[in-house]
Structure formats: C-alpha cells, structure tokens
Amino acid sequence: MSELKNISHTAIDLLKNSGVKKYAFSLSENEKREFNAEDNSFSLFRTTFGQSFSLSVFIDGKKGSSSGNDLTSEGLKKTVDDAISGAVSSSPDEANDIAEKQEPAMFSYGPFEADMEKLYDRVSESFDEIAEDFPKIKLMQTVAAHNRVHRIYLNSNGTEFENFDGVYSVSYQFAGNDGENTTGIFGGSVYMKNLEQPVLSQGLLRRQFEDAEKSLITYPIDGKFEGDIILTPYALAEFGGFLIENFLSSGVIMDGTSLWLDKIGEKVVSDKVDIHLLTSDERLALCDFYTGDGYRAENVSLIEKGVLRSHLLSLYAAKKTGRPVTKNSGGIFEVAAGDSDLEDMIKSIKRGLIVSGFSGSMPGANGEFSGVAKNSFYIEDGEIKGAVMETMISGNLVDMFANVTAVSSEQISDGAMLIPYMATSGITISGK
C-alpha cells in the first residue's frame, strides 16, 4: 500500500503528456480479511485485495470520466485515454468544475492493522450469547471482516488528500424458529473501530434478535385506519434518506421540483426534528473527511429544530443553480436525540405500529408514499400485540416529519449512523 504516491506521479505525468491541464482523480488500494460462518460454525477465512483509479478530466468546459482497477502504467494510460475521449465527445458545460485548492491533509481513522484473532473471539462470544439469550433464533450466515483502505485524492488546483482507514464489521442473517414455525429472514450489522466491547452490545443487534423471536407470534389487522407509528432507527434512517433525496438533493434542486426549493431559513417540519451530516464522531467507526468534488468535508446541519438550513448540493449543482455547495458527501447521517423514553412512546399510542423497515417505491415529488411495513409490530392501547403481516402504510413525507409527536432520548449507533426512535401521527395503516 506504499506505492500509491509513485502511482499518482505516473498518472500526473500521463495527464500532462496528453495535454490535460484540468483534472481530478483518486487512487485507492484496499485489503479485506474476513471470516464466514454458516449457522454458528466458521466455514471460510479469506483475504481479498482491490485497487482502483477514478479520473475526471476537463477540456474546454467538457468533462470526461473513466475508472479502472489496473494501476500499471498501461492500465493508467487506458483510463486517461478513455476519460479524454469522453470529454472530447461530450458537450461543454460551464458548471463542470473542480474545487478550488484545499490545504493538503493526511487522515487516519480506525484500526489500520487487524487483530483477526480478537475478532474471531468476539464473534464466537456472540454465538454463545445468541444461543443462551435467544434460543428461538436460527443463525443462517455470519460475516465478520476487517477492511482497510489507503486512498489518495489529487486535483490540478493543487489539492492533495491522503487517508488510511480501517474498520471492523460483523453482519448476521437470521430468522425466528420455534421448531414448528419460521419467520422471514432478518439482518443486522455493526461497524466497529475497536474490539473492546462485545459485538451484541452495539447497535440494534439485541433488539433485532428479540424482534425475530417475537415475530413468531403474528397479529392480524383487518381494514384500514389512521394511526401513529414509531420508526425504529433503521426505518427513520430510510425515511430520512427519502426526505433528503426528495427535497434537498442536487437533482431536485436543479430541476426545480423540490417542495423546499426556496425554503432555506423557514420551518419545514416539526421543531422536534434535527438532521445533520457529520465527518466523524467518537461514537462512529466510519468517517468522511473530504468530498468527491475535492473539498475538505465539514459538518452540515440540514434541519435544526424543524428549520431548513441547507440543501445537499454537489459543486456541479451549486454552479448550475447559483446556490452554495455543500461540503459534505452525505454519507454519515445523524438525527438528534429527543427527550422521550421509548417505553413511554409505545404506551402513548392508542393504535398504530412500530415500523422497522419499509418496502415500496421512492416517494413521489409531492412526498406521497405507500408500501409494506416490514418486520413491524401492532400496538393497541399502549401494548405491543404481535408482529404484522402484509400490512401497508401510506402517507406524505412532509406530513410525517411535521406531525412528529416524540423523539427518543435513546440514540442508536451501529458505527455508521446516529439515529433515535421517532413517533409520528396521521399515517394510514391497511391490513388485509
């Protein structure tokens, strides 16, 4: 992994020799070491390697991009030639650009060297815990890995970023099984920057195993009614992603279809809602120190106490619309915790659902959505009755986030995000 500097110099020479004056590229090498287990027995240990060269060139306002995984001189030249060909055949656009020069920086985050013996021990420990604490869980597949990446980003304005990142991850596929009945397949995962804590103590894993066991008891819902729902952290992350894509992202701002096109500084949702984009956090195992456009990343507040503070715009979208560029790629997501206890949130619901997942198409431009509530539970008079099947939820994204009744003080981190539970009202729930 020490050769990337030399390879970057070769790439720059190739670009200069081809007459390219404006460019941006990234070079990366990664090494992944992983254990696989079937049921609770280890079945495979392997190490895989990867490398990539991603390049954009700009010629007379025209942009061409290409990528490849051959970092030899011949492979680099092919990628350069392909990018130049793409630029020559494209149309000029004055919005095609790269970030102005940023101060050079080197970043290091997480464990670059793996302790695979310790990871093996932690996963074995989790198997014992699952067998003891969740006897109705059938483990199907477990993947435990350490992934490390060395990456260099350079552009012709003189920006140079280099990072060395490492992270552990463990993911499980499982189902509830009592010997007679079996649930659908559940999945859970966590990312870790160290192995100091047991795997099952992190993220939502224990609750996910509990939910799989509870899903063996189903509760039929007939007809249609308007009720309240509690979004689990993963469901909230999913609907929060819809909110960003529908109303804040580059595409909808450029084409003018966003309902929040000119709402910066205005209240758009409940004052209980705070959504932020992070670069890193001590509770997270992932990081995002610079953007694909070549900016040093910054923490960004999208919504503060219900007030819209920022769109999420790439450099191209910013130049197209004359709006500020967002110096964050949007990869690390936080919804601020509230002041409510989850059990009290459940007790306050007359009739509704705890929603753990959603299966449906992207909401429409106006925010309307409809789909199946996955791995979800029916609540009546403040009591969880059982898992639901073939149950639809529908509503409007703006209304969903405007009608928030409570946000939990419990904020979950699976190493990749920081998200609480959120309760909202006015959702249409349809059974068989």
Protein backbone atom coordinates (compact mmCIF):
# COMPACT_ATOMS: atom_id res chain seq x y z
CA MET A 1 0.00 0.00 0.00
CA SER A 2 3.04 2.29 -0.02
CA GLU A 3 3.18 2.59 -3.81
CA LEU A 4 0.18 4.87 -4.33
CA LYS A 5 2.34 8.01 -4.17
CA ASN A 6 4.53 6.77 -7.01
CA ILE A 7 1.47 5.70 -8.99
CA SER A 8 -0.08 9.15 -8.54
CA HIS A 9 3.04 10.74 -10.00
CA THR A 10 2.80 8.42 -13.00
CA ALA A 11 -0.84 9.40 -13.51
CA ILE A 12 0.01 13.11 -13.37
CA ASP A 13 2.78 12.64 -15.94
CA LEU A 14 0.40 10.80 -18.26
CA LEU A 15 -2.17 13.60 -17.97
CA LYS A 16 0.41 16.32 -18.63
CA ASN A 17 1.85 14.43 -21.59
CA SER A 18 -1.68 14.16 -23.02
CA GLY A 19 -2.15 17.91 -22.76
CA VAL A 20 -4.73 17.75 -19.94
CA LYS A 21 -4.44 20.80 -17.68
CA LYS A 22 -7.52 20.36 -15.52
CA TYR A 23 -8.26 17.08 -13.77
CA ALA A 24 -9.17 15.34 -10.53
CA PHE A 25 -8.55 11.72 -9.60
CA SER A 26 -8.47 9.27 -6.74
CA LEU A 27 -6.33 6.17 -6.31
CA SER A 28 -7.15 3.52 -3.75
CA GLU A 29 -5.98 0.16 -2.50
CA ASN A 30 -7.93 -1.95 -0.04
CA GLU A 31 -7.39 -5.18 1.83
CA LYS A 32 -10.29 -7.13 3.32
CA ARG A 33 -9.84 -10.06 5.68
CA GLU A 34 -12.99 -11.92 6.64
CA PHE A 35 -14.47 -14.93 8.39
CA ASN A 36 -17.67 -16.54 7.13
CA ALA A 37 -19.83 -18.79 9.28
CA GLU A 38 -22.80 -20.97 8.37
CA ASP A 39 -25.18 -21.49 11.27
CA ASN A 40 -22.69 -20.87 14.08
CA SER A 41 -19.75 -22.76 12.60
CA PHE A 42 -16.90 -20.98 10.86
CA SER A 43 -16.60 -22.16 7.28
CA LEU A 44 -14.23 -19.79 5.48
CA PHE A 45 -11.36 -17.40 6.07
CA ARG A 46 -10.07 -15.33 3.19
CA THR A 47 -8.21 -12.17 2.28
CA THR A 48 -9.15 -10.16 -0.79
CA PHE A 49 -7.42 -7.17 -2.37
CA GLY A 50 -8.74 -4.38 -4.55
CA GLN A 51 -7.48 -1.27 -6.25
CA SER A 52 -8.98 1.49 -8.35
CA PHE A 53 -8.21 4.63 -10.34
CA SER A 54 -11.09 7.06 -10.86
CA LEU A 55 -10.45 10.08 -13.07
CA SER A 56 -12.26 13.13 -14.40
CA VAL A 57 -10.70 15.44 -17.00
CA PHE A 58 -11.96 18.84 -18.16
CA ILE A 59 -11.20 20.15 -21.64
CA ASP A 60 -12.72 23.44 -22.84
CA GLY A 61 -15.64 23.10 -20.42
CA LYS A 62 -16.25 19.49 -21.39
CA LYS A 63 -15.95 16.69 -18.85
CA GLY A 64 -14.95 13.08 -19.33
CA SER A 65 -14.72 10.42 -16.64
CA SER A 66 -13.31 6.92 -16.52
CA SER A 67 -12.20 4.37 -13.96
CA GLY A 68 -10.29 1.13 -13.84
CA ASN A 69 -8.62 -1.32 -11.49
CA ASP A 70 -5.35 -1.74 -13.37
CA LEU A 71 -2.72 0.50 -11.74
CA THR A 72 0.10 -0.45 -14.08
CA SER A 73 1.37 2.25 -16.45
CA GLU A 74 -0.60 0.64 -19.27
CA GLY A 75 -3.77 0.50 -17.18
CA LEU A 76 -3.42 4.11 -16.07
CA LYS A 77 -2.87 5.23 -19.67
CA LYS A 78 -6.01 3.45 -20.82
CA THR A 79 -8.08 5.16 -18.12
CA VAL A 80 -6.58 8.54 -19.09
CA ASP A 81 -7.27 7.94 -22.79
CA ASP A 82 -10.86 6.84 -22.07
CA ALA A 83 -11.52 9.94 -19.96
CA ILE A 84 -10.11 12.22 -22.66
CA SER A 85 -12.27 10.51 -25.29
CA GLY A 86 -15.30 11.02 -23.08
CA ALA A 87 -14.53 14.73 -22.72
CA VAL A 88 -13.97 15.24 -26.44
CA SER A 89 -17.32 13.65 -27.30
CA SER A 90 -19.33 15.49 -24.62
CA SER A 91 -20.97 18.91 -24.71
CA PRO A 92 -19.41 21.91 -22.97
CA ASP A 93 -20.97 22.98 -19.69
CA GLU A 94 -19.58 25.86 -17.64
CA ALA A 95 -20.77 24.13 -14.46
CA ASN A 96 -18.19 21.36 -14.94
CA ASP A 97 -15.52 22.20 -12.38
CA ILE A 98 -13.30 21.07 -9.52
CA ALA A 99 -12.93 22.53 -6.06
CA GLU A 100 -10.52 25.37 -5.52
CA LYS A 101 -7.23 24.44 -3.85
CA GLN A 102 -7.60 22.97 -0.37
CA GLU A 103 -4.81 22.69 2.17
CA PRO A 104 -3.01 19.33 1.87
CA ALA A 105 -4.07 16.89 4.58
CA MET A 106 -3.47 13.33 5.70
CA PHE A 107 -6.16 11.46 7.60
CA SER A 108 -6.05 8.30 9.66
CA TYR A 109 -9.14 6.76 11.21
CA GLY A 110 -9.82 3.40 12.81
CA PRO A 111 -7.57 0.34 13.12
CA PHE A 112 -5.38 0.02 10.04
CA GLU A 113 -3.89 -3.24 11.31
CA ALA A 114 -6.30 -6.09 12.02
CA ASP A 115 -6.48 -8.27 15.12
CA MET A 116 -8.24 -11.20 13.50
CA GLU A 117 -7.75 -13.47 16.49
CA LYS A 118 -9.61 -11.00 18.70
CA LEU A 119 -12.33 -10.59 16.06
CA TYR A 120 -12.72 -14.38 15.93
CA ASP A 121 -13.06 -14.48 19.72
CA ARG A 122 -15.68 -11.70 19.73
CA VAL A 123 -17.78 -13.42 17.07
CA SER A 124 -17.51 -16.77 18.87
CA GLU A 125 -18.62 -14.99 22.03
CA SER A 126 -21.64 -13.62 20.15
CA PHE A 127 -22.63 -17.12 19.05
CA ASP A 128 -22.65 -18.24 22.69
CA GLU A 129 -24.74 -15.21 23.70
CA ILE A 130 -27.26 -15.80 20.93
CA ALA A 131 -27.63 -19.47 21.85
CA GLU A 132 -28.20 -18.60 25.52
CA ASP A 133 -30.27 -15.41 25.27
CA PHE A 134 -32.20 -16.05 22.06
CA PRO A 135 -32.98 -19.78 21.90
CA LYS A 136 -35.55 -19.29 19.12
CA ILE A 137 -33.04 -17.71 16.74
CA LYS A 138 -31.79 -19.67 13.77
CA LEU A 139 -28.49 -18.21 12.55
CA MET A 140 -28.00 -18.61 8.82
CA GLN A 141 -24.90 -16.69 7.87
CA THR A 142 -22.40 -14.50 9.69
CA VAL A 143 -19.69 -12.42 8.05
CA ALA A 144 -17.01 -10.79 10.19
CA ALA A 145 -14.40 -8.64 8.48
CA HIS A 146 -11.65 -6.09 8.78
CA ASN A 147 -11.34 -3.72 5.85
CA ARG A 148 -8.55 -1.21 5.39
CA VAL A 149 -8.20 1.41 2.68
CA HIS A 150 -5.34 3.63 1.56
CA ARG A 151 -6.60 6.39 -0.71
CA ILE A 152 -5.12 9.46 -2.41
CA TYR A 153 -7.13 12.29 -3.96
CA LEU A 154 -5.44 14.89 -6.19
CA ASN A 155 -6.62 17.66 -8.47
CA SER A 156 -4.91 20.12 -10.77
CA ASN A 157 -5.63 23.04 -8.46
CA GLY A 158 -3.08 21.61 -6.05
CA THR A 159 -5.34 19.76 -3.61
CA GLU A 160 -3.87 16.58 -2.15
CA PHE A 161 -5.65 14.40 0.40
CA GLU A 162 -4.42 11.05 1.67
CA ASN A 163 -6.19 8.75 4.11
CA PHE A 164 -5.55 5.46 5.88
CA ASP A 165 -8.80 4.00 7.25
CA GLY A 166 -9.62 0.73 8.96
CA VAL A 167 -12.86 -0.73 10.29
CA TYR A 168 -14.24 -3.99 11.69
CA SER A 169 -17.71 -5.16 10.71
CA VAL A 170 -19.97 -8.05 11.67
CA SER A 171 -23.23 -8.88 9.93
CA TYR A 172 -25.79 -11.61 10.64
CA GLN A 173 -28.61 -13.20 8.68
CA PHE A 174 -31.12 -15.00 10.89
CA ALA A 175 -34.73 -16.00 11.45
CA GLY A 176 -37.01 -16.83 14.33
CA ASN A 177 -37.63 -20.56 14.64
CA ASP A 178 -39.50 -22.40 17.41
CA GLY A 179 -39.27 -25.86 15.86
CA GLU A 180 -42.63 -25.56 14.12
CA ASN A 181 -42.76 -22.04 12.71
CA THR A 182 -40.17 -19.90 10.99
CA THR A 183 -40.19 -16.16 10.36
CA GLY A 184 -38.86 -14.37 7.33
CA ILE A 185 -35.17 -13.52 7.14
CA PHE A 186 -33.82 -10.72 9.34
CA GLY A 187 -30.49 -8.97 9.03
CA GLY A 188 -28.35 -6.94 11.40
CA SER A 189 -24.87 -5.46 11.28
CA VAL A 190 -22.45 -3.20 13.14
CA TYR A 191 -19.23 -1.34 12.29
CA MET A 192 -16.54 -1.06 14.95
CA LYS A 193 -13.30 0.91 15.28
CA ASN A 194 -12.10 -1.39 18.07
CA LEU A 195 -12.98 -4.70 19.69
CA GLU A 196 -13.25 -3.51 23.28
CA GLN A 197 -16.97 -4.27 23.61
CA PRO A 198 -18.97 -7.45 22.85
CA VAL A 199 -20.50 -7.37 19.38
CA LEU A 200 -24.07 -7.79 20.64
CA SER A 201 -23.76 -4.77 22.92
CA GLN A 202 -23.62 -2.49 19.89
CA GLY A 203 -26.18 -1.04 17.53
CA LEU A 204 -29.63 -2.63 17.48
CA LEU A 205 -28.49 -6.25 17.32
CA ARG A 206 -30.06 -7.47 20.56
CA ARG A 207 -33.38 -5.80 19.78
CA GLN A 208 -33.28 -7.24 16.25
CA PHE A 209 -32.81 -10.76 17.63
CA GLU A 210 -35.65 -10.14 20.10
CA ASP A 211 -37.89 -8.90 17.28
CA ALA A 212 -37.18 -12.01 15.21
CA GLU A 213 -38.29 -14.22 18.10
CA LYS A 214 -41.37 -12.07 18.75
CA SER A 215 -42.27 -12.29 15.05
CA LEU A 216 -43.18 -15.93 15.57
CA ILE A 217 -46.43 -14.59 17.06
CA THR A 218 -48.40 -12.69 14.43
CA TYR A 219 -51.38 -10.42 14.89
CA PRO A 220 -53.84 -9.96 12.03
CA ILE A 221 -55.00 -6.46 11.15
CA ASP A 222 -58.24 -6.07 9.21
CA GLY A 223 -59.32 -2.99 7.33
CA LYS A 224 -57.82 0.47 7.17
CA PHE A 225 -57.34 3.12 9.83
CA GLU A 226 -55.33 6.26 10.54
CA GLY A 227 -52.87 5.78 13.38
CA ASP A 228 -49.50 6.55 14.88
CA ILE A 229 -46.23 4.82 14.07
CA ILE A 230 -42.87 4.59 15.79
CA LEU A 231 -39.99 4.43 13.35
CA THR A 232 -37.03 2.39 14.60
CA PRO A 233 -33.61 3.93 13.92
CA TYR A 234 -33.19 1.96 10.69
CA ALA A 235 -36.65 2.89 9.45
CA LEU A 236 -36.05 6.53 10.42
CA ALA A 237 -32.77 6.49 8.50
CA GLU A 238 -34.64 5.12 5.48
CA PHE A 239 -37.36 7.78 5.57
CA GLY A 240 -34.80 10.47 6.38
CA GLY A 241 -32.96 9.41 3.25
CA PHE A 242 -36.20 9.77 1.28
CA LEU A 243 -36.63 13.26 2.73
CA ILE A 244 -33.15 14.31 1.61
CA GLU A 245 -33.48 12.75 -1.84
CA ASN A 246 -36.93 14.22 -2.48
CA PHE A 247 -36.41 17.76 -1.22
CA LEU A 248 -32.70 18.54 -0.68
CA SER A 249 -30.60 16.65 -3.23
CA SER A 250 -28.84 18.06 -6.30
CA GLY A 251 -31.25 16.58 -8.83
CA VAL A 252 -34.47 18.03 -7.42
CA ILE A 253 -32.89 21.43 -6.79
CA MET A 254 -31.52 21.63 -10.32
CA ASP A 255 -34.81 20.60 -11.96
CA GLY A 256 -36.86 22.79 -9.62
CA THR A 257 -39.20 20.03 -8.41
CA SER A 258 -38.27 20.26 -4.72
CA LEU A 259 -41.05 21.49 -2.46
CA TRP A 260 -38.28 23.10 -0.38
CA LEU A 261 -36.57 24.87 -3.28
CA ASP A 262 -36.70 28.30 -1.65
CA LYS A 263 -37.34 27.35 1.98
CA ILE A 264 -33.88 27.93 3.49
CA GLY A 265 -34.39 29.58 6.88
CA GLU A 266 -38.04 28.54 7.08
CA LYS A 267 -39.71 25.96 9.32
CA VAL A 268 -40.49 22.93 7.17
CA VAL A 269 -41.06 20.12 9.71
CA SER A 270 -41.64 19.64 13.43
CA ASP A 271 -39.32 21.51 15.79
CA LYS A 272 -38.51 18.09 17.28
CA VAL A 273 -36.52 17.22 14.12
CA ASP A 274 -32.77 17.90 13.82
CA ILE A 275 -30.87 16.27 10.92
CA HIS A 276 -27.11 16.64 10.50
CA LEU A 277 -24.34 15.32 8.26
CA LEU A 278 -21.07 14.51 10.02
CA THR A 279 -17.45 14.00 9.03
CA SER A 280 -16.66 11.81 12.05
CA ASP A 281 -17.70 11.21 15.65
CA GLU A 282 -16.15 9.27 18.53
CA ARG A 283 -19.24 7.02 18.55
CA LEU A 284 -18.80 6.11 14.87
CA ALA A 285 -16.48 3.71 13.11
CA LEU A 286 -16.83 5.34 9.68
CA CYS A 287 -15.60 8.75 8.57
CA ASP A 288 -15.97 11.14 5.64
CA PHE A 289 -13.12 13.66 5.59
CA TYR A 290 -13.38 15.00 2.03
CA THR A 291 -15.92 15.10 -0.76
CA GLY A 292 -15.84 13.70 -4.25
CA ASP A 293 -15.62 17.25 -5.55
CA GLY A 294 -12.37 17.79 -3.66
CA TYR A 295 -13.50 19.83 -0.66
CA ARG A 296 -12.34 19.25 2.90
CA ALA A 297 -15.56 17.95 4.44
CA GLU A 298 -17.42 19.91 7.11
CA ASN A 299 -20.24 19.05 9.48
CA VAL A 300 -23.50 20.30 7.96
CA SER A 301 -26.87 20.96 9.62
CA LEU A 302 -29.66 20.24 7.15
CA ILE A 303 -32.54 20.84 9.56
CA GLU A 304 -32.36 22.46 13.02
CA LYS A 305 -35.45 22.39 15.24
CA GLY A 306 -37.58 21.99 12.14
CA VAL A 307 -35.94 24.88 10.24
CA LEU A 308 -34.29 24.15 6.89
CA ARG A 309 -30.65 25.23 7.00
CA SER A 310 -29.09 23.73 3.89
CA HIS A 311 -29.67 21.77 0.70
CA LEU A 312 -27.26 18.95 -0.20
CA LEU A 313 -25.62 20.20 -3.40
CA SER A 314 -22.64 18.95 -5.35
CA LEU A 315 -20.29 21.50 -6.92
CA TYR A 316 -21.93 20.94 -10.31
CA ALA A 317 -25.43 21.52 -8.89
CA ALA A 318 -24.24 24.58 -6.98
CA LYS A 319 -22.80 26.15 -10.13
CA LYS A 320 -25.90 25.25 -12.13
CA THR A 321 -28.25 26.88 -9.65
CA GLY A 322 -26.11 29.65 -8.18
CA ARG A 323 -26.56 28.19 -4.70
CA PRO A 324 -23.90 27.28 -2.10
CA VAL A 325 -22.05 24.00 -2.50
CA THR A 326 -22.42 21.54 0.40
CA LYS A 327 -19.04 20.49 1.71
CA ASN A 328 -20.20 17.04 2.78
CA SER A 329 -20.97 13.94 0.73
CA GLY A 330 -23.92 12.98 2.93
CA GLY A 331 -22.56 9.59 3.90
CA ILE A 332 -22.72 9.90 7.71
CA PHE A 333 -26.17 10.69 8.98
CA GLU A 334 -27.34 11.90 12.40
CA VAL A 335 -30.81 12.60 13.73
CA ALA A 336 -30.53 14.29 17.12
CA ALA A 337 -31.95 12.52 20.17
CA GLY A 338 -35.05 13.88 21.90
CA ASP A 339 -36.26 13.69 25.48
CA SER A 340 -38.79 10.82 25.42
CA ASP A 341 -38.48 7.31 26.81
CA LEU A 342 -39.17 4.63 24.20
CA GLU A 343 -41.46 2.65 26.51
CA ASP A 344 -43.48 5.80 27.19
CA MET A 345 -43.71 6.43 23.44
CA ILE A 346 -45.19 2.95 23.00
CA LYS A 347 -47.63 3.41 25.90
CA SER A 348 -48.90 6.68 24.44
CA ILE A 349 -50.11 5.07 21.21
CA LYS A 350 -53.79 4.21 21.01
CA ARG A 351 -53.49 2.29 17.77
CA GLY A 352 -50.55 2.00 15.41
CA LEU A 353 -47.29 0.26 14.54
CA ILE A 354 -43.63 0.00 15.38
CA VAL A 355 -42.09 0.07 11.89
CA SER A 356 -38.64 -1.47 11.43
CA GLY A 357 -38.48 -1.39 7.65
CA PHE A 358 -40.29 -0.27 4.52
CA SER A 359 -40.68 -1.95 1.16
CA GLY A 360 -42.00 0.38 -1.51
CA SER A 361 -41.02 2.67 -4.33
CA MET A 362 -39.45 6.10 -3.84
CA PRO A 363 -41.99 8.70 -2.70
CA GLY A 364 -43.40 10.98 -5.38
CA ALA A 365 -42.28 14.56 -5.95
CA ASN A 366 -45.04 15.73 -3.60
CA GLY A 367 -43.84 13.34 -0.87
CA GLU A 368 -46.64 10.77 -1.14
CA PHE A 369 -45.52 7.23 -0.25
CA SER A 370 -47.05 3.80 0.07
CA GLY A 371 -45.53 0.42 0.82
CA VAL A 372 -45.32 -2.60 3.10
CA ALA A 373 -44.26 -2.26 6.74
CA LYS A 374 -41.51 -4.85 7.21
CA ASN A 375 -40.53 -6.56 10.47
CA SER A 376 -43.13 -4.45 12.23
CA PHE A 377 -45.44 -4.79 15.25
CA TYR A 378 -49.02 -3.77 16.03
CA ILE A 379 -49.70 -1.55 19.05
CA GLU A 380 -53.11 -1.15 20.66
CA ASP A 381 -53.83 0.83 23.84
CA GLY A 382 -50.12 1.19 24.50
CA GLU A 383 -49.38 -2.52 24.28
CA ILE A 384 -47.47 -4.45 21.59
CA LYS A 385 -49.84 -7.20 20.40
CA GLY A 386 -47.68 -9.02 17.87
CA ALA A 387 -45.97 -8.94 14.51
CA VAL A 388 -47.95 -7.84 11.46
CA MET A 389 -48.02 -9.40 8.02
CA GLU A 390 -49.00 -7.93 4.66
CA THR A 391 -49.66 -4.56 6.27
CA MET A 392 -49.37 -1.36 4.23
CA ILE A 393 -48.50 2.13 5.42
CA SER A 394 -49.08 5.28 3.39
CA GLY A 395 -48.83 8.99 3.90
CA ASN A 396 -46.81 12.03 2.98
CA LEU A 397 -43.15 12.62 3.87
CA VAL A 398 -43.63 16.26 4.79
CA ASP A 399 -46.62 15.43 6.98
CA MET A 400 -44.75 12.52 8.56
CA PHE A 401 -41.93 14.80 9.74
CA ALA A 402 -44.29 17.69 10.54
CA ASN A 403 -46.51 15.53 12.78
CA VAL A 404 -43.72 14.16 14.98
CA THR A 405 -45.05 13.58 18.50
CA ALA A 406 -41.90 12.29 20.21
CA VAL A 407 -38.22 11.51 19.65
CA SER A 408 -36.44 9.07 21.95
CA SER A 409 -33.62 10.05 24.27
CA GLU A 410 -32.04 6.77 23.20
CA GLN A 411 -29.85 7.36 20.15
CA ILE A 412 -28.53 4.23 18.46
CA SER A 413 -25.10 3.95 16.87
CA ASP A 414 -24.24 0.95 14.74
CA GLY A 415 -20.91 2.59 13.89
CA ALA A 416 -22.27 4.10 10.67
CA MET A 417 -25.06 6.41 11.88
CA LEU A 418 -26.55 8.06 14.97
CA ILE A 419 -30.33 7.72 14.99
CA PRO A 420 -33.09 7.68 17.67
CA TYR A 421 -36.65 6.33 17.54
CA MET A 422 -39.29 8.74 16.26
CA ALA A 423 -43.08 8.70 16.72
CA THR A 424 -45.42 10.42 14.26
CA SER A 425 -49.15 10.57 13.65
CA GLY A 426 -51.58 10.59 10.74
CA ILE A 427 -50.29 7.52 8.91
CA THR A 428 -52.76 5.34 7.02
CA ILE A 429 -52.39 1.68 8.04
CA SER A 430 -54.04 -1.03 5.96
CA GLY A 431 -54.36 -4.69 6.84
CA LYS A 432 -55.70 -7.50 4.72
